[in-house]
Amino acid sequence: RRVNELASSIQREGPIFERLISVLDILSSSQYLSIRQLAQPLFVHSLKRVKNGLNDHIPRLIEKLKNPSIPKNEIKSAIHILRAKPVLRRITEQWRFLSPFVLGICGSHVHSDQKLQNYLFQLFVTFVVSQHSLDLSVPSPQILPASARSLVGHTLSSQLLSDANKNSLFYTRKHSEDYAHAMVGLESLVDESVNHWRYKLMIAACFLMLMKENEPLRYPKMMLWLSSSVLSS
């Protein structure tokens, strides 16, 4: 409780708050369950309060999922934090996080510990329930009605519209790259020795959830694997 009050009272930026986050990060991965359970919600709460806190830490947490050299307590901590609503919401809303997350969780078959695999599968189930269709394209202001191109009652200038259109094209291209990375990565997992039904299910589900219309023809290896290894079983 005192740590929670301290996190709420300290200003959101500065060395003291950064130090607090660092300490909570360490405690969240403690080998002792009771300490992890106390620190993890505080760590998530602190990341929400600091600018770019979630954005800075999500990639590092995702990377732990498929790394067999990471200690079990750190992986358990990463799974618990990634399951937190604000964290998982951020992942499912942005392709830059969604793509590595999908590959991280499907690539987690490298872990041999059964209990750890159960935790990873629980994370997958939570992700499936939370996932929604995520567009690749970012709408351009030029294609919106004139009434929607106004800002506080004033029509946007041509320069602002031009800048907005450039941003739209940039992020649409970036989203497409992240999407392609996820799909190619999932297809490459088929070549690995993934024998457990749980991971076959995860790979198949993630591929089918993300697949856009008319995309199956671009991934013949995956479609063949789905037909022979999953859908027929």
C-alpha atoms as a PDB file:
ATOM      1  CA  ARG A   1       0.000   0.000   0.000  1.00  0.00           C
ATOM      2  CA  ARG A   2       2.785   2.439   0.881  1.00  0.00           C
ATOM      3  CA  VAL A   3       4.533   1.753  -2.446  1.00  0.00           C
ATOM      4  CA  ASN A   4       1.250   2.353  -4.266  1.00  0.00           C
ATOM      5  CA  GLU A   5       0.763   5.676  -2.460  1.00  0.00           C
ATOM      6  CA  LEU A   6       4.349   6.612  -3.270  1.00  0.00           C
ATOM      7  CA  ALA A   7       3.832   5.817  -6.973  1.00  0.00           C
ATOM      8  CA  SER A   8       0.746   8.026  -7.046  1.00  0.00           C
ATOM      9  CA  SER A   9       2.367  10.945  -5.253  1.00  0.00           C
ATOM     10  CA  ILE A  10       5.647  11.185  -7.157  1.00  0.00           C
ATOM     11  CA  GLN A  11       5.649  13.240 -10.333  1.00  0.00           C
ATOM     12  CA  ARG A  12       5.386  11.155 -13.488  1.00  0.00           C
ATOM     13  CA  GLU A  13       8.799  12.085 -14.803  1.00  0.00           C
ATOM     14  CA  GLY A  14      12.195  12.431 -13.232  1.00  0.00           C
ATOM     15  CA  PRO A  15      14.898  10.259 -11.707  1.00  0.00           C
ATOM     16  CA  ILE A  16      12.882   9.278  -8.630  1.00  0.00           C
ATOM     17  CA  PHE A  17       9.978   7.883 -10.647  1.00  0.00           C
ATOM     18  CA  GLU A  18      12.351   6.170 -13.073  1.00  0.00           C
ATOM     19  CA  ARG A  19      14.135   4.573 -10.126  1.00  0.00           C
ATOM     20  CA  LEU A  20      10.798   3.427  -8.700  1.00  0.00           C
ATOM     21  CA  ILE A  21       9.872   1.765 -11.996  1.00  0.00           C
ATOM     22  CA  SER A  22      13.277   0.089 -12.136  1.00  0.00           C
ATOM     23  CA  VAL A  23      12.840  -1.312  -8.620  1.00  0.00           C
ATOM     24  CA  LEU A  24       9.298  -2.533  -9.374  1.00  0.00           C
ATOM     25  CA  ASP A  25      10.572  -4.154 -12.555  1.00  0.00           C
ATOM     26  CA  ILE A  26      13.143  -6.122 -10.563  1.00  0.00           C
ATOM     27  CA  LEU A  27      10.643  -7.079  -7.853  1.00  0.00           C
ATOM     28  CA  SER A  28       8.103  -8.159 -10.496  1.00  0.00           C
ATOM     29  CA  SER A  29      10.546 -10.850 -11.626  1.00  0.00           C
ATOM     30  CA  SER A  30      11.484 -12.027  -8.149  1.00  0.00           C
ATOM     31  CA  GLN A  31      11.905 -15.755  -7.598  1.00  0.00           C
ATOM     32  CA  TYR A  32       9.422 -15.443  -4.731  1.00  0.00           C
ATOM     33  CA  LEU A  33       5.776 -15.638  -5.783  1.00  0.00           C
ATOM     34  CA  SER A  34       4.473 -13.418  -2.982  1.00  0.00           C
ATOM     35  CA  ILE A  35       6.821 -10.583  -3.995  1.00  0.00           C
ATOM     36  CA  ARG A  36       5.914 -10.930  -7.688  1.00  0.00           C
ATOM     37  CA  GLN A  37       2.209 -10.791  -6.875  1.00  0.00           C
ATOM     38  CA  LEU A  38       2.656  -7.564  -4.930  1.00  0.00           C
ATOM     39  CA  ALA A  39       5.003  -5.848  -7.383  1.00  0.00           C
ATOM     40  CA  GLN A  40       3.453  -6.725 -10.754  1.00  0.00           C
ATOM     41  CA  PRO A  41       0.227  -4.658 -10.491  1.00  0.00           C
ATOM     42  CA  LEU A  42       2.225  -1.720  -9.151  1.00  0.00           C
ATOM     43  CA  PHE A  43       4.659  -2.048 -12.034  1.00  0.00           C
ATOM     44  CA  VAL A  44       1.806  -1.953 -14.576  1.00  0.00           C
ATOM     45  CA  HIS A  45       0.230   0.996 -12.769  1.00  0.00           C
ATOM     46  CA  SER A  46       3.522   2.887 -12.853  1.00  0.00           C
ATOM     47  CA  LEU A  47       4.039   2.192 -16.564  1.00  0.00           C
ATOM     48  CA  LYS A  48       0.613   3.691 -17.256  1.00  0.00           C
ATOM     49  CA  ARG A  49       1.539   6.861 -15.401  1.00  0.00           C
ATOM     50  CA  VAL A  50       4.829   7.603 -17.141  1.00  0.00           C
ATOM     51  CA  LYS A  51       4.994   8.831 -20.733  1.00  0.00           C
ATOM     52  CA  ASN A  52       5.816   5.982 -23.151  1.00  0.00           C
ATOM     53  CA  GLY A  53       6.132   3.602 -20.191  1.00  0.00           C
ATOM     54  CA  LEU A  54       4.121   0.817 -21.820  1.00  0.00           C
ATOM     55  CA  ASN A  55       5.638   1.442 -25.249  1.00  0.00           C
ATOM     56  CA  ASP A  56       9.176   1.194 -23.890  1.00  0.00           C
ATOM     57  CA  HIS A  57       8.681  -2.007 -21.893  1.00  0.00           C
ATOM     58  CA  ILE A  58       6.290  -4.085 -24.036  1.00  0.00           C
ATOM     59  CA  PRO A  59       8.939  -5.136 -26.634  1.00  0.00           C
ATOM     60  CA  ARG A  60      11.283  -6.352 -23.881  1.00  0.00           C
ATOM     61  CA  LEU A  61       8.510  -8.358 -22.216  1.00  0.00           C
ATOM     62  CA  ILE A  62       7.461  -9.948 -25.512  1.00  0.00           C
ATOM     63  CA  GLU A  63      11.033 -10.954 -26.321  1.00  0.00           C
ATOM     64  CA  LYS A  64      11.173 -13.074 -23.167  1.00  0.00           C
ATOM     65  CA  LEU A  65       8.370 -15.364 -24.355  1.00  0.00           C
ATOM     66  CA  LYS A  66      10.472 -17.229 -26.914  1.00  0.00           C
ATOM     67  CA  ASN A  67      13.841 -17.127 -25.173  1.00  0.00           C
ATOM     68  CA  PRO A  68      14.638 -20.469 -23.471  1.00  0.00           C
ATOM     69  CA  SER A  69      17.586 -18.944 -21.616  1.00  0.00           C
ATOM     70  CA  ILE A  70      15.393 -16.569 -19.583  1.00  0.00           C
ATOM     71  CA  PRO A  71      14.779 -17.779 -15.986  1.00  0.00           C
ATOM     72  CA  LYS A  72      11.299 -19.181 -15.379  1.00  0.00           C
ATOM     73  CA  ASN A  73      10.372 -16.556 -12.821  1.00  0.00           C
ATOM     74  CA  GLU A  74      11.095 -13.788 -15.356  1.00  0.00           C
ATOM     75  CA  ILE A  75       8.993 -15.485 -18.011  1.00  0.00           C
ATOM     76  CA  LYS A  76       6.126 -15.955 -15.555  1.00  0.00           C
ATOM     77  CA  SER A  77       6.378 -12.273 -14.681  1.00  0.00           C
ATOM     78  CA  ALA A  78       6.351 -11.245 -18.343  1.00  0.00           C
ATOM     79  CA  ILE A  79       3.288 -13.417 -18.987  1.00  0.00           C
ATOM     80  CA  HIS A  80       1.400 -11.955 -16.042  1.00  0.00           C
ATOM     81  CA  ILE A  81       2.200  -8.362 -17.027  1.00  0.00           C
ATOM     82  CA  LEU A  82       1.337  -8.964 -20.689  1.00  0.00           C
ATOM     83  CA  ARG A  83      -2.049 -10.349 -19.582  1.00  0.00           C
ATOM     84  CA  ALA A  84      -2.870  -7.115 -17.755  1.00  0.00           C
ATOM     85  CA  LYS A  85      -5.715  -5.278 -19.497  1.00  0.00           C
ATOM     86  CA  PRO A  86      -3.897  -1.995 -20.257  1.00  0.00           C
ATOM     87  CA  VAL A  87      -0.879  -3.863 -21.609  1.00  0.00           C
ATOM     88  CA  LEU A  88      -2.811  -6.319 -23.771  1.00  0.00           C
ATOM     89  CA  ARG A  89      -5.037  -3.507 -25.021  1.00  0.00           C
ATOM     90  CA  ARG A  90      -1.983  -1.589 -26.207  1.00  0.00           C
ATOM     91  CA  ILE A  91      -0.682  -4.717 -27.968  1.00  0.00           C
ATOM     92  CA  THR A  92      -3.932  -5.422 -29.802  1.00  0.00           C
ATOM     93  CA  GLU A  93      -4.278  -1.805 -30.929  1.00  0.00           C
ATOM     94  CA  GLN A  94      -0.892  -1.388 -32.620  1.00  0.00           C
ATOM     95  CA  TRP A  95       0.725  -3.515 -35.326  1.00  0.00           C
ATOM     96  CA  ARG A  96       4.223  -2.711 -34.061  1.00  0.00           C
ATOM     97  CA  PHE A  97       3.402  -4.667 -30.891  1.00  0.00           C
ATOM     98  CA  LEU A  98       0.912  -7.169 -32.282  1.00  0.00           C
ATOM     99  CA  SER A  99       3.311  -8.629 -34.838  1.00  0.00           C
ATOM    100  CA  PRO A 100       6.162  -9.501 -32.408  1.00  0.00           C
ATOM    101  CA  PHE A 101       3.647 -10.608 -29.765  1.00  0.00           C
ATOM    102  CA  VAL A 102       2.062 -13.169 -32.095  1.00  0.00           C
ATOM    103  CA  LEU A 103       5.473 -14.497 -33.107  1.00  0.00           C
ATOM    104  CA  GLY A 104       6.663 -14.479 -29.502  1.00  0.00           C
ATOM    105  CA  ILE A 105       3.758 -16.480 -28.132  1.00  0.00           C
ATOM    106  CA  CYS A 106       3.711 -18.958 -31.032  1.00  0.00           C
ATOM    107  CA  GLY A 107       7.480 -19.316 -30.805  1.00  0.00           C
ATOM    108  CA  SER A 108       7.268 -20.086 -27.091  1.00  0.00           C
ATOM    109  CA  HIS A 109       7.138 -23.821 -27.865  1.00  0.00           C
ATOM    110  CA  VAL A 110      10.886 -23.841 -27.091  1.00  0.00           C
ATOM    111  CA  HIS A 111      10.018 -24.025 -23.392  1.00  0.00           C
ATOM    112  CA  SER A 112       9.858 -27.588 -22.118  1.00  0.00           C
ATOM    113  CA  ASP A 113       8.350 -26.889 -18.691  1.00  0.00           C
ATOM    114  CA  GLN A 114       4.694 -28.016 -18.707  1.00  0.00           C
ATOM    115  CA  LYS A 115       3.565 -25.515 -16.087  1.00  0.00           C
ATOM    116  CA  LEU A 116       5.189 -22.681 -18.011  1.00  0.00           C
ATOM    117  CA  GLN A 117       3.477 -23.851 -21.188  1.00  0.00           C
ATOM    118  CA  ASN A 118       0.151 -23.703 -19.354  1.00  0.00           C
ATOM    119  CA  TYR A 119       0.804 -20.078 -18.402  1.00  0.00           C
ATOM    120  CA  LEU A 120       1.702 -19.249 -22.003  1.00  0.00           C
ATOM    121  CA  PHE A 121      -1.462 -20.887 -23.270  1.00  0.00           C
ATOM    122  CA  GLN A 122      -3.532 -18.889 -20.784  1.00  0.00           C
ATOM    123  CA  LEU A 123      -1.939 -15.740 -22.189  1.00  0.00           C
ATOM    124  CA  PHE A 124      -2.866 -16.901 -25.692  1.00  0.00           C
ATOM    125  CA  VAL A 125      -6.511 -17.501 -24.683  1.00  0.00           C
ATOM    126  CA  THR A 126      -6.719 -14.049 -23.087  1.00  0.00           C
ATOM    127  CA  PHE A 127      -5.257 -12.562 -26.267  1.00  0.00           C
ATOM    128  CA  VAL A 128      -7.802 -14.338 -28.493  1.00  0.00           C
ATOM    129  CA  VAL A 129     -10.678 -13.033 -26.388  1.00  0.00           C
ATOM    130  CA  SER A 130      -9.253  -9.493 -26.512  1.00  0.00           C
ATOM    131  CA  GLN A 131      -8.239  -9.460 -30.183  1.00  0.00           C
ATOM    132  CA  HIS A 132     -10.235  -7.499 -32.738  1.00  0.00           C
ATOM    133  CA  SER A 133      -9.803  -6.702 -36.407  1.00  0.00           C
ATOM    134  CA  LEU A 134      -6.971  -4.219 -36.861  1.00  0.00           C
ATOM    135  CA  ASP A 135      -6.828  -2.214 -40.076  1.00  0.00           C
ATOM    136  CA  LEU A 136      -3.624  -1.839 -42.031  1.00  0.00           C
ATOM    137  CA  SER A 137      -4.535   1.450 -43.665  1.00  0.00           C
ATOM    138  CA  VAL A 138      -4.690   4.804 -41.909  1.00  0.00           C
ATOM    139  CA  PRO A 139      -7.467   6.992 -43.392  1.00  0.00           C
ATOM    140  CA  SER A 140      -6.284  10.048 -45.283  1.00  0.00           C
ATOM    141  CA  PRO A 141      -8.021  13.375 -44.483  1.00  0.00           C
ATOM    142  CA  GLN A 142      -8.380  13.983 -48.209  1.00  0.00           C
ATOM    143  CA  ILE A 143     -10.915  11.180 -48.548  1.00  0.00           C
ATOM    144  CA  LEU A 144     -13.050  12.355 -45.634  1.00  0.00           C
ATOM    145  CA  PRO A 145     -16.126  14.603 -46.065  1.00  0.00           C
ATOM    146  CA  ALA A 146     -15.447  18.311 -45.902  1.00  0.00           C
ATOM    147  CA  SER A 147     -17.294  18.532 -42.585  1.00  0.00           C
ATOM    148  CA  ALA A 148     -14.839  16.042 -41.101  1.00  0.00           C
ATOM    149  CA  ARG A 149     -11.798  17.935 -42.340  1.00  0.00           C
ATOM    150  CA  SER A 150     -12.421  20.867 -40.034  1.00  0.00           C
ATOM    151  CA  LEU A 151     -10.652  21.498 -36.766  1.00  0.00           C
ATOM    152  CA  VAL A 152     -12.461  23.535 -34.106  1.00  0.00           C
ATOM    153  CA  GLY A 153     -14.655  25.084 -36.759  1.00  0.00           C
ATOM    154  CA  HIS A 154     -11.792  25.960 -39.108  1.00  0.00           C
ATOM    155  CA  THR A 155     -10.948  24.123 -42.309  1.00  0.00           C
ATOM    156  CA  LEU A 156      -7.532  22.506 -42.227  1.00  0.00           C
ATOM    157  CA  SER A 157      -4.930  24.266 -44.331  1.00  0.00           C
ATOM    158  CA  SER A 158      -3.519  22.602 -47.428  1.00  0.00           C
ATOM    159  CA  GLN A 159      -0.167  22.223 -45.658  1.00  0.00           C
ATOM    160  CA  LEU A 160      -1.744  20.447 -42.700  1.00  0.00           C
ATOM    161  CA  LEU A 161      -3.678  18.192 -45.045  1.00  0.00           C
ATOM    162  CA  SER A 162      -0.501  17.427 -46.980  1.00  0.00           C
ATOM    163  CA  ASP A 163       1.384  16.551 -43.793  1.00  0.00           C
ATOM    164  CA  ALA A 164      -1.511  14.398 -42.589  1.00  0.00           C
ATOM    165  CA  ASN A 165      -1.604  12.549 -45.891  1.00  0.00           C
ATOM    166  CA  LYS A 166       2.129  11.844 -45.695  1.00  0.00           C
ATOM    167  CA  ASN A 167       1.702  10.477 -42.176  1.00  0.00           C
ATOM    168  CA  SER A 168      -1.190   8.354 -43.380  1.00  0.00           C
ATOM    169  CA  LEU A 169       0.894   6.828 -46.164  1.00  0.00           C
ATOM    170  CA  PHE A 170       3.872   6.288 -43.841  1.00  0.00           C
ATOM    171  CA  TYR A 171       1.910   4.441 -41.165  1.00  0.00           C
ATOM    172  CA  THR A 172      -0.096   2.446 -43.693  1.00  0.00           C
ATOM    173  CA  ARG A 173       3.179   1.221 -45.199  1.00  0.00           C
ATOM    174  CA  LYS A 174       4.636   0.515 -41.754  1.00  0.00           C
ATOM    175  CA  HIS A 175       1.531  -1.430 -40.691  1.00  0.00           C
ATOM    176  CA  SER A 176       1.715  -3.483 -43.886  1.00  0.00           C
ATOM    177  CA  GLU A 177       5.357  -4.307 -43.167  1.00  0.00           C
ATOM    178  CA  ASP A 178       4.546  -5.379 -39.600  1.00  0.00           C
ATOM    179  CA  TYR A 179       1.642  -7.487 -40.875  1.00  0.00           C
ATOM    180  CA  ALA A 180       3.789  -9.198 -43.512  1.00  0.00           C
ATOM    181  CA  HIS A 181       6.486  -9.855 -40.885  1.00  0.00           C
ATOM    182  CA  ALA A 182       3.937 -11.612 -38.668  1.00  0.00           C
ATOM    183  CA  MET A 183       2.511 -13.747 -41.474  1.00  0.00           C
ATOM    184  CA  VAL A 184       5.898 -14.770 -42.868  1.00  0.00           C
ATOM    185  CA  GLY A 185       7.120 -15.471 -39.346  1.00  0.00           C
ATOM    186  CA  LEU A 186       4.145 -17.706 -38.590  1.00  0.00           C
ATOM    187  CA  GLU A 187       4.700 -19.581 -41.842  1.00  0.00           C
ATOM    188  CA  SER A 188       8.364 -20.099 -40.967  1.00  0.00           C
ATOM    189  CA  LEU A 189       7.348 -21.744 -37.681  1.00  0.00           C
ATOM    190  CA  VAL A 190       5.814 -24.549 -39.716  1.00  0.00           C
ATOM    191  CA  ASP A 191       9.349 -25.638 -40.646  1.00  0.00           C
ATOM    192  CA  GLU A 192      10.248 -26.050 -36.980  1.00  0.00           C
ATOM    193  CA  SER A 193       9.504 -29.152 -34.941  1.00  0.00           C
ATOM    194  CA  VAL A 194       6.236 -27.972 -33.427  1.00  0.00           C
ATOM    195  CA  ASN A 195       4.559 -31.223 -32.387  1.00  0.00           C
ATOM    196  CA  HIS A 196       2.375 -30.263 -29.434  1.00  0.00           C
ATOM    197  CA  TRP A 197      -1.289 -29.742 -30.381  1.00  0.00           C
ATOM    198  CA  ARG A 198      -1.408 -26.615 -28.236  1.00  0.00           C
ATOM    199  CA  TYR A 199       1.187 -24.793 -30.320  1.00  0.00           C
ATOM    200  CA  LYS A 200      -0.243 -26.053 -33.580  1.00  0.00           C
ATOM    201  CA  LEU A 201      -3.532 -24.544 -32.472  1.00  0.00           C
ATOM    202  CA  MET A 202      -1.874 -21.256 -31.523  1.00  0.00           C
ATOM    203  CA  ILE A 203      -0.044 -20.921 -34.844  1.00  0.00           C
ATOM    204  CA  ALA A 204      -3.149 -21.800 -36.854  1.00  0.00           C
ATOM    205  CA  ALA A 205      -5.417 -19.501 -34.848  1.00  0.00           C
ATOM    206  CA  CYS A 206      -3.074 -16.509 -35.053  1.00  0.00           C
ATOM    207  CA  PHE A 207      -2.587 -16.983 -38.797  1.00  0.00           C
ATOM    208  CA  LEU A 208      -6.308 -17.239 -39.478  1.00  0.00           C
ATOM    209  CA  MET A 209      -7.148 -14.318 -37.189  1.00  0.00           C
ATOM    210  CA  LEU A 210      -4.666 -12.000 -38.867  1.00  0.00           C
ATOM    211  CA  MET A 211      -5.158 -13.135 -42.458  1.00  0.00           C
ATOM    212  CA  LYS A 212      -6.701 -10.517 -44.697  1.00  0.00           C
ATOM    213  CA  GLU A 213      -9.028 -11.164 -47.611  1.00  0.00           C
ATOM    214  CA  ASN A 214      -7.412 -12.828 -50.651  1.00  0.00           C
ATOM    215  CA  GLU A 215      -4.235 -13.474 -48.654  1.00  0.00           C
ATOM    216  CA  PRO A 216      -4.214 -17.322 -48.570  1.00  0.00           C
ATOM    217  CA  LEU A 217      -2.669 -17.558 -52.049  1.00  0.00           C
ATOM    218  CA  ARG A 218       0.400 -15.706 -50.766  1.00  0.00           C
ATOM    219  CA  TYR A 219       1.140 -18.364 -48.147  1.00  0.00           C
ATOM    220  CA  PRO A 220       0.811 -21.784 -49.842  1.00  0.00           C
ATOM    221  CA  LYS A 221       3.084 -23.541 -47.352  1.00  0.00           C
ATOM    222  CA  MET A 222       0.937 -22.452 -44.434  1.00  0.00           C
ATOM    223  CA  MET A 223      -2.310 -23.378 -46.194  1.00  0.00           C
ATOM    224  CA  LEU A 224      -0.942 -26.834 -46.989  1.00  0.00           C
ATOM    225  CA  TRP A 225       0.155 -27.272 -43.370  1.00  0.00           C
ATOM    226  CA  LEU A 226      -3.265 -26.201 -42.124  1.00  0.00           C
ATOM    227  CA  SER A 227      -4.968 -28.690 -44.398  1.00  0.00           C
ATOM    228  CA  SER A 228      -2.729 -31.638 -43.581  1.00  0.00           C
ATOM    229  CA  SER A 229      -1.715 -31.034 -39.977  1.00  0.00           C
ATOM    230  CA  VAL A 230      -4.532 -29.127 -38.310  1.00  0.00           C
ATOM    231  CA  LEU A 231      -7.826 -29.076 -40.149  1.00  0.00           C
ATOM    232  CA  SER A 232      -7.718 -32.787 -40.930  1.00  0.00           C
ATOM    233  CA  SER A 233      -6.962 -33.822 -37.338  1.00  0.00           C
END
